[in-house]
C-alpha atoms as a PDB file:
ATOM      1  CA  UNK A   1      -0.013   0.044   0.199  1.00  0.00           C
ATOM      2  CA  UNK A   2       1.332   3.339  -1.157  1.00  0.00           C
ATOM      3  CA  UNK A   3       1.185   6.143   1.861  1.00  0.00           C
ATOM      4  CA  UNK A   4       1.185   9.794   1.011  1.00  0.00           C
ATOM      5  CA  UNK A   5       2.367  12.143   3.793  1.00  0.00           C
ATOM      6  CA  UNK A   6       4.060  15.672   4.074  1.00  0.00           C
ATOM      7  CA  UNK A   7       7.789  15.609   4.588  1.00  0.00           C
ATOM      8  CA  UNK A   8       9.335  15.395   7.717  1.00  0.00           C
ATOM      9  CA  UNK A   9      12.380  17.102   9.115  1.00  0.00           C
ATOM     10  CA  UNK A  10      13.733  13.571  10.020  1.00  0.00           C
ATOM     11  CA  UNK A  11      13.352  12.513   6.153  1.00  0.00           C
ATOM     12  CA  UNK A  12      15.476  15.285   5.089  1.00  0.00           C
ATOM     13  CA  UNK A  13      18.385  13.486   4.203  1.00  0.00           C
ATOM     14  CA  UNK A  14      16.849  10.720   2.692  1.00  0.00           C
ATOM     15  CA  UNK A  15      14.765  12.963   0.403  1.00  0.00           C
ATOM     16  CA  UNK A  16      17.689  15.114  -0.387  1.00  0.00           C
ATOM     17  CA  UNK A  17      19.288  11.895  -1.648  1.00  0.00           C
ATOM     18  CA  UNK A  18      16.279  10.654  -3.210  1.00  0.00           C
ATOM     19  CA  UNK A  19      16.170  14.280  -5.472  1.00  0.00           C
ATOM     20  CA  UNK A  20      20.273  14.270  -6.046  1.00  0.00           C
ATOM     21  CA  UNK A  21      19.868  10.663  -7.527  1.00  0.00           C
ATOM     22  CA  UNK A  22      17.151  11.725  -9.652  1.00  0.00           C
ATOM     23  CA  UNK A  23      18.127  15.186 -10.590  1.00  0.00           C
ATOM     24  CA  UNK A  24      21.838  13.831 -11.897  1.00  0.00           C
ATOM     25  CA  UNK A  25      19.874  11.921 -14.715  1.00  0.00           C
ATOM     26  CA  UNK A  26      18.726  13.840 -18.037  1.00  0.00           C
ATOM     27  CA  UNK A  27      15.576  11.848 -18.041  1.00  0.00           C
ATOM     28  CA  UNK A  28      14.249  12.866 -14.472  1.00  0.00           C
ATOM     29  CA  UNK A  29      16.082  16.372 -14.277  1.00  0.00           C
ATOM     30  CA  UNK A  30      14.391  19.698 -13.032  1.00  0.00           C
ATOM     31  CA  UNK A  31      15.968  22.943 -13.629  1.00  0.00           C
ATOM     32  CA  UNK A  32      14.973  23.999 -10.360  1.00  0.00           C
ATOM     33  CA  UNK A  33      17.132  21.915  -8.105  1.00  0.00           C
ATOM     34  CA  UNK A  34      20.629  20.853  -7.955  1.00  0.00           C
ATOM     35  CA  UNK A  35      22.463  17.915  -7.988  1.00  0.00           C
ATOM     36  CA  UNK A  36      24.329  17.711  -4.750  1.00  0.00           C
ATOM     37  CA  UNK A  37      23.009  16.112  -2.004  1.00  0.00           C
ATOM     38  CA  UNK A  38      24.138  18.609   0.595  1.00  0.00           C
ATOM     39  CA  UNK A  39      23.145  21.829  -1.828  1.00  0.00           C
ATOM     40  CA  UNK A  40      19.778  20.384  -2.041  1.00  0.00           C
ATOM     41  CA  UNK A  41      19.498  19.530   1.604  1.00  0.00           C
ATOM     42  CA  UNK A  42      20.700  23.201   2.349  1.00  0.00           C
ATOM     43  CA  UNK A  43      18.088  24.491  -0.295  1.00  0.00           C
ATOM     44  CA  UNK A  44      15.020  22.559   1.745  1.00  0.00           C
ATOM     45  CA  UNK A  45      15.980  24.483   4.613  1.00  0.00           C
ATOM     46  CA  UNK A  46      17.466  27.913   3.835  1.00  0.00           C
ATOM     47  CA  UNK A  47      15.741  28.488   0.652  1.00  0.00           C
ATOM     48  CA  UNK A  48      12.150  27.148   0.671  1.00  0.00           C
ATOM     49  CA  UNK A  49      11.201  29.654   3.597  1.00  0.00           C
ATOM     50  CA  UNK A  50       7.918  31.297   2.603  1.00  0.00           C
ATOM     51  CA  UNK A  51       6.155  28.068   2.773  1.00  0.00           C
ATOM     52  CA  UNK A  52       8.690  25.623   4.705  1.00  0.00           C
ATOM     53  CA  UNK A  53       9.035  22.456   2.982  1.00  0.00           C
ATOM     54  CA  UNK A  54       7.207  20.136   5.635  1.00  0.00           C
ATOM     55  CA  UNK A  55       4.120  21.926   4.542  1.00  0.00           C
ATOM     56  CA  UNK A  56       5.072  22.216   1.172  1.00  0.00           C
ATOM     57  CA  UNK A  57       6.447  18.773   0.145  1.00  0.00           C
ATOM     58  CA  UNK A  58       4.793  15.316  -0.273  1.00  0.00           C
ATOM     59  CA  UNK A  59       6.520  12.246   0.090  1.00  0.00           C
ATOM     60  CA  UNK A  60       5.276   8.812  -1.133  1.00  0.00           C
ATOM     61  CA  UNK A  61       6.123   5.760   0.356  1.00  0.00           C
ATOM     62  CA  UNK A  62       5.314   1.968  -0.058  1.00  0.00           C
ATOM     63  CA  UNK A  63       6.291  -0.443   2.756  1.00  0.00           C
ATOM     64  CA  UNK A  64       8.578   1.879   4.218  1.00  0.00           C
ATOM     65  CA  UNK A  65      10.432   2.839   1.059  1.00  0.00           C
ATOM     66  CA  UNK A  66      10.445   6.378  -0.734  1.00  0.00           C
ATOM     67  CA  UNK A  67       9.191   6.253  -4.675  1.00  0.00           C
ATOM     68  CA  UNK A  68       8.436   9.725  -4.980  1.00  0.00           C
ATOM     69  CA  UNK A  69       8.543  13.262  -4.182  1.00  0.00           C
ATOM     70  CA  UNK A  70       6.558  16.538  -5.568  1.00  0.00           C
ATOM     71  CA  UNK A  71       7.001  20.104  -3.422  1.00  0.00           C
ATOM     72  CA  UNK A  72       6.531  23.567  -4.399  1.00  0.00           C
ATOM     73  CA  UNK A  73       8.930  26.621  -3.497  1.00  0.00           C
ATOM     74  CA  UNK A  74       6.468  29.501  -3.065  1.00  0.00           C
ATOM     75  CA  UNK A  75       7.082  33.203  -3.699  1.00  0.00           C
ATOM     76  CA  UNK A  76       4.205  34.639  -1.576  1.00  0.00           C
ATOM     77  CA  UNK A  77       5.455  38.473  -2.672  1.00  0.00           C
ATOM     78  CA  UNK A  78       4.756  37.487  -6.396  1.00  0.00           C
ATOM     79  CA  UNK A  79       2.105  34.985  -5.823  1.00  0.00           C
ATOM     80  CA  UNK A  80       3.828  32.224  -7.795  1.00  0.00           C
ATOM     81  CA  UNK A  81       5.335  28.837  -7.004  1.00  0.00           C
ATOM     82  CA  UNK A  82       8.002  26.715  -8.865  1.00  0.00           C
ATOM     83  CA  UNK A  83       7.474  22.670  -8.635  1.00  0.00           C
ATOM     84  CA  UNK A  84      10.138  20.321  -7.378  1.00  0.00           C
ATOM     85  CA  UNK A  85       9.507  17.029  -9.288  1.00  0.00           C
ATOM     86  CA  UNK A  86       8.091  15.118  -9.598  1.00  0.00           C
ATOM     87  CA  UNK A  87      10.975  12.489  -8.680  1.00  0.00           C
ATOM     88  CA  UNK A  88       9.479   8.861  -8.976  1.00  0.00           C
ATOM     89  CA  UNK A  89      11.095   5.883  -9.477  1.00  0.00           C
ATOM     90  CA  UNK A  90      10.434   4.538 -12.889  1.00  0.00           C
ATOM     91  CA  UNK A  91       8.135   1.132 -12.340  1.00  0.00           C
ATOM     92  CA  UNK A  92       5.797   3.861 -10.154  1.00  0.00           C
ATOM     93  CA  UNK A  93       5.597   6.737 -12.546  1.00  0.00           C
ATOM     94  CA  UNK A  94       1.564   6.019 -12.497  1.00  0.00           C
ATOM     95  CA  UNK A  95       1.508   7.629  -8.543  1.00  0.00           C
ATOM     96  CA  UNK A  96       2.339  11.065 -10.447  1.00  0.00           C
ATOM     97  CA  UNK A  97      -1.552  12.221 -10.570  1.00  0.00           C
ATOM     98  CA  UNK A  98      -1.925  11.489  -7.161  1.00  0.00           C
ATOM     99  CA  UNK A  99       1.147  13.240  -5.867  1.00  0.00           C
ATOM    100  CA  UNK A 100       0.172  16.085  -7.920  1.00  0.00           C
ATOM    101  CA  UNK A 101      -3.850  16.149  -6.086  1.00  0.00           C
ATOM    102  CA  UNK A 102      -1.966  15.539  -2.562  1.00  0.00           C
ATOM    103  CA  UNK A 103       0.468  18.849  -3.251  1.00  0.00           C
ATOM    104  CA  UNK A 104      -2.007  21.212  -4.925  1.00  0.00           C
ATOM    105  CA  UNK A 105      -4.092  21.163  -1.719  1.00  0.00           C
ATOM    106  CA  UNK A 106      -1.213  22.303   0.330  1.00  0.00           C
ATOM    107  CA  UNK A 107      -0.813  25.152  -2.317  1.00  0.00           C
ATOM    108  CA  UNK A 108      -1.654  28.712  -0.479  1.00  0.00           C
ATOM    109  CA  UNK A 109      -5.211  30.179  -2.395  1.00  0.00           C
ATOM    110  CA  UNK A 110      -2.556  33.405  -3.185  1.00  0.00           C
ATOM    111  CA  UNK A 111      -0.695  31.362  -5.365  1.00  0.00           C
ATOM    112  CA  UNK A 112      -1.793  32.029  -8.886  1.00  0.00           C
ATOM    113  CA  UNK A 113       1.168  31.106 -10.916  1.00  0.00           C
ATOM    114  CA  UNK A 114       2.917  27.735 -10.800  1.00  0.00           C
ATOM    115  CA  UNK A 115       5.953  27.159 -13.267  1.00  0.00           C
ATOM    116  CA  UNK A 116       7.858  24.014 -14.033  1.00  0.00           C
ATOM    117  CA  UNK A 117      11.594  23.492 -15.339  1.00  0.00           C
ATOM    118  CA  UNK A 118      11.865  20.512 -17.187  1.00  0.00           C
ATOM    119  CA  UNK A 119      14.788  19.129 -19.117  1.00  0.00           C
ATOM    120  CA  UNK A 120      13.424  18.263 -22.546  1.00  0.00           C
ATOM    121  CA  UNK A 121      14.624  14.665 -22.000  1.00  0.00           C
ATOM    122  CA  UNK A 122      12.264  14.140 -18.961  1.00  0.00           C
ATOM    123  CA  UNK A 123       9.740  12.769 -21.015  1.00  0.00           C
ATOM    124  CA  UNK A 124       7.337  12.233 -18.252  1.00  0.00           C
ATOM    125  CA  UNK A 125       7.103  15.328 -16.678  1.00  0.00           C
ATOM    126  CA  UNK A 126       6.767  17.039 -20.289  1.00  0.00           C
ATOM    127  CA  UNK A 127       3.876  14.327 -20.800  1.00  0.00           C
ATOM    128  CA  UNK A 128       2.643  15.671 -16.985  1.00  0.00           C
ATOM    129  CA  UNK A 129       2.943  19.310 -17.585  1.00  0.00           C
ATOM    130  CA  UNK A 130       0.596  18.786 -20.830  1.00  0.00           C
ATOM    131  CA  UNK A 131      -2.056  16.880 -19.126  1.00  0.00           C
ATOM    132  CA  UNK A 132      -2.132  19.397 -16.049  1.00  0.00           C
ATOM    133  CA  UNK A 133      -2.540  22.005 -18.722  1.00  0.00           C
ATOM    134  CA  UNK A 134       0.586  23.939 -18.593  1.00  0.00           C
ATOM    135  CA  UNK A 135       1.715  26.183 -21.457  1.00  0.00           C
ATOM    136  CA  UNK A 136       5.001  26.293 -22.362  1.00  0.00           C
ATOM    137  CA  UNK A 137       6.606  29.492 -22.579  1.00  0.00           C
ATOM    138  CA  UNK A 138      10.360  29.297 -23.295  1.00  0.00           C
ATOM    139  CA  UNK A 139      13.069  26.821 -24.050  1.00  0.00           C
ATOM    140  CA  UNK A 140      16.403  27.364 -22.300  1.00  0.00           C
ATOM    141  CA  UNK A 141      19.787  26.280 -22.496  1.00  0.00           C
ATOM    142  CA  UNK A 142      22.006  25.959 -19.147  1.00  0.00           C
ATOM    143  CA  UNK A 143      25.607  26.553 -19.792  1.00  0.00           C
ATOM    144  CA  UNK A 144      28.359  25.509 -17.185  1.00  0.00           C
ATOM    145  CA  UNK A 145      32.062  26.663 -16.868  1.00  0.00           C
ATOM    146  CA  UNK A 146      34.478  24.292 -15.393  1.00  0.00           C
ATOM    147  CA  UNK A 147      37.276  25.061 -12.922  1.00  0.00           C
ATOM    148  CA  UNK A 148      39.497  23.054 -15.196  1.00  0.00           C
ATOM    149  CA  UNK A 149      39.022  25.625 -18.018  1.00  0.00           C
ATOM    150  CA  UNK A 150      40.687  28.327 -16.365  1.00  0.00           C
ATOM    151  CA  UNK A 151      43.987  28.301 -17.777  1.00  0.00           C
ATOM    152  CA  UNK A 152      42.160  28.734 -21.290  1.00  0.00           C
ATOM    153  CA  UNK A 153      40.937  32.161 -20.131  1.00  0.00           C
ATOM    154  CA  UNK A 154      42.773  35.090 -21.334  1.00  0.00           C
ATOM    155  CA  UNK A 155      45.007  36.974 -18.907  1.00  0.00           C
ATOM    156  CA  UNK A 156      43.431  40.167 -18.503  1.00  0.00           C
ATOM    157  CA  UNK A 157      43.605  43.363 -15.720  1.00  0.00           C
ATOM    158  CA  UNK A 158      40.459  42.795 -13.240  1.00  0.00           C
ATOM    159  CA  UNK A 159      38.842  46.130 -13.011  1.00  0.00           C
ATOM    160  CA  UNK A 160      36.770  46.765  -9.843  1.00  0.00           C
ATOM    161  CA  UNK A 161      34.168  49.235  -9.662  1.00  0.00           C
ATOM    162  CA  UNK A 162      35.274  52.374  -8.262  1.00  0.00           C
ATOM    163  CA  UNK A 163      33.075  55.433  -6.925  1.00  0.00           C
ATOM    164  CA  UNK A 164      34.250  57.424  -9.966  1.00  0.00           C
ATOM    165  CA  UNK A 165      31.872  55.249 -12.203  1.00  0.00           C
ATOM    166  CA  UNK A 166      29.020  54.657  -9.798  1.00  0.00           C
ATOM    167  CA  UNK A 167      26.760  56.764 -11.783  1.00  0.00           C
ATOM    168  CA  UNK A 168      27.765  55.429 -15.083  1.00  0.00           C
ATOM    169  CA  UNK A 169      26.815  51.707 -13.698  1.00  0.00           C
ATOM    170  CA  UNK A 170      23.910  52.869 -12.033  1.00  0.00           C
ATOM    171  CA  UNK A 171      22.802  54.388 -15.128  1.00  0.00           C
ATOM    172  CA  UNK A 172      23.246  51.607 -17.429  1.00  0.00           C
ATOM    173  CA  UNK A 173      21.877  48.890 -15.186  1.00  0.00           C
ATOM    174  CA  UNK A 174      18.804  50.916 -14.364  1.00  0.00           C
ATOM    175  CA  UNK A 175      18.364  51.470 -18.502  1.00  0.00           C
ATOM    176  CA  UNK A 176      19.043  47.894 -19.365  1.00  0.00           C
ATOM    177  CA  UNK A 177      17.132  46.095 -16.546  1.00  0.00           C
ATOM    178  CA  UNK A 178      14.495  48.640 -15.324  1.00  0.00           C
ATOM    179  CA  UNK A 179      12.416  46.138 -13.307  1.00  0.00           C
ATOM    180  CA  UNK A 180      14.433  43.957 -12.062  1.00  0.00           C
ATOM    181  CA  UNK A 181      15.061  42.513  -8.305  1.00  0.00           C
ATOM    182  CA  UNK A 182      18.255  45.000  -7.516  1.00  0.00           C
ATOM    183  CA  UNK A 183      18.429  48.260  -9.266  1.00  0.00           C
ATOM    184  CA  UNK A 184      21.806  49.983  -9.447  1.00  0.00           C
ATOM    185  CA  UNK A 185      22.283  51.881  -6.421  1.00  0.00           C
ATOM    186  CA  UNK A 186      21.060  48.396  -4.634  1.00  0.00           C
ATOM    187  CA  UNK A 187      23.422  46.617  -6.433  1.00  0.00           C
ATOM    188  CA  UNK A 188      26.336  49.263  -5.148  1.00  0.00           C
ATOM    189  CA  UNK A 189      25.143  48.790  -1.782  1.00  0.00           C
ATOM    190  CA  UNK A 190      25.318  44.982  -1.696  1.00  0.00           C
ATOM    191  CA  UNK A 191      29.185  45.098  -2.570  1.00  0.00           C
ATOM    192  CA  UNK A 192      31.397  43.399  -0.131  1.00  0.00           C
ATOM    193  CA  UNK A 193      34.430  40.533  -0.261  1.00  0.00           C
ATOM    194  CA  UNK A 194      31.720  38.193  -1.685  1.00  0.00           C
ATOM    195  CA  UNK A 195      29.984  40.164  -4.464  1.00  0.00           C
ATOM    196  CA  UNK A 196      31.809  42.376  -6.916  1.00  0.00           C
ATOM    197  CA  UNK A 197      30.937  44.545  -9.561  1.00  0.00           C
ATOM    198  CA  UNK A 198      33.794  44.716 -12.503  1.00  0.00           C
ATOM    199  CA  UNK A 199      34.061  47.287 -15.093  1.00  0.00           C
ATOM    200  CA  UNK A 200      35.654  48.138 -18.388  1.00  0.00           C
ATOM    201  CA  UNK A 201      37.260  51.543 -19.447  1.00  0.00           C
ATOM    202  CA  UNK A 202      37.725  52.139 -23.168  1.00  0.00           C
ATOM    203  CA  UNK A 203      39.530  55.125 -24.152  1.00  0.00           C
ATOM    204  CA  UNK A 204      38.974  56.613 -20.328  1.00  0.00           C
ATOM    205  CA  UNK A 205      34.977  55.917 -20.794  1.00  0.00           C
ATOM    206  CA  UNK A 206      32.874  53.791 -19.017  1.00  0.00           C
ATOM    207  CA  UNK A 207      32.284  50.855 -21.237  1.00  0.00           C
ATOM    208  CA  UNK A 208      30.326  48.210 -19.331  1.00  0.00           C
ATOM    209  CA  UNK A 209      29.762  46.183 -15.991  1.00  0.00           C
ATOM    210  CA  UNK A 210      29.284  42.778 -14.660  1.00  0.00           C
ATOM    211  CA  UNK A 211      27.797  41.936 -11.366  1.00  0.00           C
ATOM    212  CA  UNK A 212      28.808  38.682  -9.565  1.00  0.00           C
ATOM    213  CA  UNK A 213      28.540  36.786  -6.251  1.00  0.00           C
ATOM    214  CA  UNK A 214      30.160  34.204  -4.733  1.00  0.00           C
ATOM    215  CA  UNK A 215      28.774  31.696  -1.767  1.00  0.00           C
ATOM    216  CA  UNK A 216      32.006  29.952  -0.932  1.00  0.00           C
ATOM    217  CA  UNK A 217      30.235  27.578   1.946  1.00  0.00           C
ATOM    218  CA  UNK A 218      28.499  26.405  -0.777  1.00  0.00           C
ATOM    219  CA  UNK A 219      30.595  26.233  -3.284  1.00  0.00           C
ATOM    220  CA  UNK A 220      28.384  28.597  -5.300  1.00  0.00           C
ATOM    221  CA  UNK A 221      29.155  31.494  -7.466  1.00  0.00           C
ATOM    222  CA  UNK A 222      26.843  33.444  -9.984  1.00  0.00           C
ATOM    223  CA  UNK A 223      26.660  36.017 -12.773  1.00  0.00           C
ATOM    224  CA  UNK A 224      23.823  38.335 -11.989  1.00  0.00           C
ATOM    225  CA  UNK A 225      23.966  40.940 -14.095  1.00  0.00           C
ATOM    226  CA  UNK A 226      26.265  42.444 -16.933  1.00  0.00           C
ATOM    227  CA  UNK A 227      25.443  44.940 -20.066  1.00  0.00           C
ATOM    228  CA  UNK A 228      27.967  46.781 -21.928  1.00  0.00           C
ATOM    229  CA  UNK A 229      27.001  50.281 -23.317  1.00  0.00           C
ATOM    230  CA  UNK A 230      25.602  50.339 -26.775  1.00  0.00           C
ATOM    231  CA  UNK A 231      28.366  52.650 -28.208  1.00  0.00           C
ATOM    232  CA  UNK A 232      30.933  50.295 -27.297  1.00  0.00           C
ATOM    233  CA  UNK A 233      29.162  46.802 -28.424  1.00  0.00           C
ATOM    234  CA  UNK A 234      30.949  44.808 -30.961  1.00  0.00           C
ATOM    235  CA  UNK A 235      34.530  45.224 -29.629  1.00  0.00           C
ATOM    236  CA  UNK A 236      34.804  42.073 -27.597  1.00  0.00           C
ATOM    237  CA  UNK A 237      33.539  43.885 -24.125  1.00  0.00           C
ATOM    238  CA  UNK A 238      31.291  41.335 -23.017  1.00  0.00           C
ATOM    239  CA  UNK A 239      33.770  38.541 -23.374  1.00  0.00           C
ATOM    240  CA  UNK A 240      36.196  41.291 -21.316  1.00  0.00           C
ATOM    241  CA  UNK A 241      33.898  41.277 -18.333  1.00  0.00           C
ATOM    242  CA  UNK A 242      32.819  37.527 -18.565  1.00  0.00           C
ATOM    243  CA  UNK A 243      36.431  36.612 -18.073  1.00  0.00           C
ATOM    244  CA  UNK A 244      37.331  39.190 -15.074  1.00  0.00           C
ATOM    245  CA  UNK A 245      34.400  37.413 -13.380  1.00  0.00           C
ATOM    246  CA  UNK A 246      35.422  33.959 -14.121  1.00  0.00           C
ATOM    247  CA  UNK A 247      38.948  34.751 -12.901  1.00  0.00           C
ATOM    248  CA  UNK A 248      37.525  36.118  -9.685  1.00  0.00           C
ATOM    249  CA  UNK A 249      35.223  33.650  -8.872  1.00  0.00           C
ATOM    250  CA  UNK A 250      37.652  30.781  -9.295  1.00  0.00           C
ATOM    251  CA  UNK A 251      39.785  32.304  -6.837  1.00  0.00           C
ATOM    252  CA  UNK A 252      37.566  30.573  -3.954  1.00  0.00           C
ATOM    253  CA  UNK A 253      38.653  27.040  -4.016  1.00  0.00           C
ATOM    254  CA  UNK A 254      35.605  25.610  -3.133  1.00  0.00           C
ATOM    255  CA  UNK A 255      33.527  26.840  -6.192  1.00  0.00           C
ATOM    256  CA  UNK A 256      34.313  24.025  -8.887  1.00  0.00           C
ATOM    257  CA  UNK A 257      32.083  25.334 -11.502  1.00  0.00           C
ATOM    258  CA  UNK A 258      29.241  27.937 -12.486  1.00  0.00           C
ATOM    259  CA  UNK A 259      26.129  28.004 -14.412  1.00  0.00           C
ATOM    260  CA  UNK A 260      24.023  30.229 -16.609  1.00  0.00           C
ATOM    261  CA  UNK A 261      20.660  30.065 -18.096  1.00  0.00           C
ATOM    262  CA  UNK A 262      20.071  31.503 -21.270  1.00  0.00           C
ATOM    263  CA  UNK A 263      16.832  31.675 -23.965  1.00  0.00           C
ATOM    264  CA  UNK A 264      17.766  29.434 -26.426  1.00  0.00           C
ATOM    265  CA  UNK A 265      16.567  31.514 -29.292  1.00  0.00           C
ATOM    266  CA  UNK A 266      19.310  34.268 -27.917  1.00  0.00           C
ATOM    267  CA  UNK A 267      22.093  33.059 -30.508  1.00  0.00           C
ATOM    268  CA  UNK A 268      24.082  36.492 -29.707  1.00  0.00           C
ATOM    269  CA  UNK A 269      24.045  35.717 -26.001  1.00  0.00           C
ATOM    270  CA  UNK A 270      24.758  31.705 -26.476  1.00  0.00           C
ATOM    271  CA  UNK A 271      27.777  32.369 -28.677  1.00  0.00           C
ATOM    272  CA  UNK A 272      29.472  34.532 -26.566  1.00  0.00           C
ATOM    273  CA  UNK A 273      29.305  32.644 -23.648  1.00  0.00           C
ATOM    274  CA  UNK A 274      30.561  29.605 -25.368  1.00  0.00           C
ATOM    275  CA  UNK A 275      33.410  31.823 -26.888  1.00  0.00           C
ATOM    276  CA  UNK A 276      34.518  32.583 -23.517  1.00  0.00           C
ATOM    277  CA  UNK A 277      34.464  28.888 -22.656  1.00  0.00           C
ATOM    278  CA  UNK A 278      31.184  28.094 -21.335  1.00  0.00           C
ATOM    279  CA  UNK A 279      29.589  24.867 -22.264  1.00  0.00           C
ATOM    280  CA  UNK A 280      26.025  23.500 -22.947  1.00  0.00           C
ATOM    281  CA  UNK A 281      24.856  21.280 -20.147  1.00  0.00           C
ATOM    282  CA  UNK A 282      21.030  21.104 -20.342  1.00  0.00           C
ATOM    283  CA  UNK A 283      18.297  22.035 -22.663  1.00  0.00           C
ATOM    284  CA  UNK A 284      14.927  22.674 -20.642  1.00  0.00           C
ATOM    285  CA  UNK A 285      11.205  23.787 -21.280  1.00  0.00           C
ATOM    286  CA  UNK A 286       9.738  26.519 -19.035  1.00  0.00           C
ATOM    287  CA  UNK A 287       6.014  25.707 -18.352  1.00  0.00           C
ATOM    288  CA  UNK A 288       3.502  28.204 -16.455  1.00  0.00           C
ATOM    289  CA  UNK A 289      -0.147  27.299 -15.340  1.00  0.00           C
ATOM    290  CA  UNK A 290      -2.569  29.997 -14.102  1.00  0.00           C
ATOM    291  CA  UNK A 291      -3.896  28.356 -10.613  1.00  0.00           C
END
């Protein structure tokens, strides 16, 4: 007999191991989740906070053996939720609909948009998304740069943002990203030893910037924003900024790789990242559904 229950704290390691095992395979990969057990466990504790995982994840067990997991990471401020899973052992995939029914009852009423980020090789989840009337919004490419490739990067000077160029950086950021989660002033306020803005200067003129963050404790690094002035485009500035960011990120010994998500139709951006040394890792479909 299969039992469906909310996740329990004491099951966290088992659940993290289960998700890590399945998310390491393209045919069961979900873009919102990592593949490292400790990273997943940390996310369950530190990132899934609006509704804690003990109230948002459903586990299915048969004879006390874990056979399926499905949960959501809610963003109550934006009335949205991201689906983690479902992750189900192959021969039990027919429980997917039941897992969904159990989980959707735990979703807060204020959530009006649910999203799935599914590897295109994950045929079961793609079919589930279709059955549940999700709409495919876009196709995305996940790119990765590995530590072992840093010797292939150009040896160029790393230029940190100084107060002389704060206004230029703010102006460019707010023009290119007018409605994003940090404005230019907030980025400058956030700068510290683990959050940096690097810039490029051409003929004494501000040409562009890149904002990056690292979390060495968990071996994580991310490129949050970068932009090049329109007058300086086509001159290799983007490649220089990416190189600066990568060289700095990999000064932290705990970081082994960095990943990026790019719309698959954005060939210009894809070519730029690949030129610097990023390699394609996954192709994913982004689905959404009104709740």
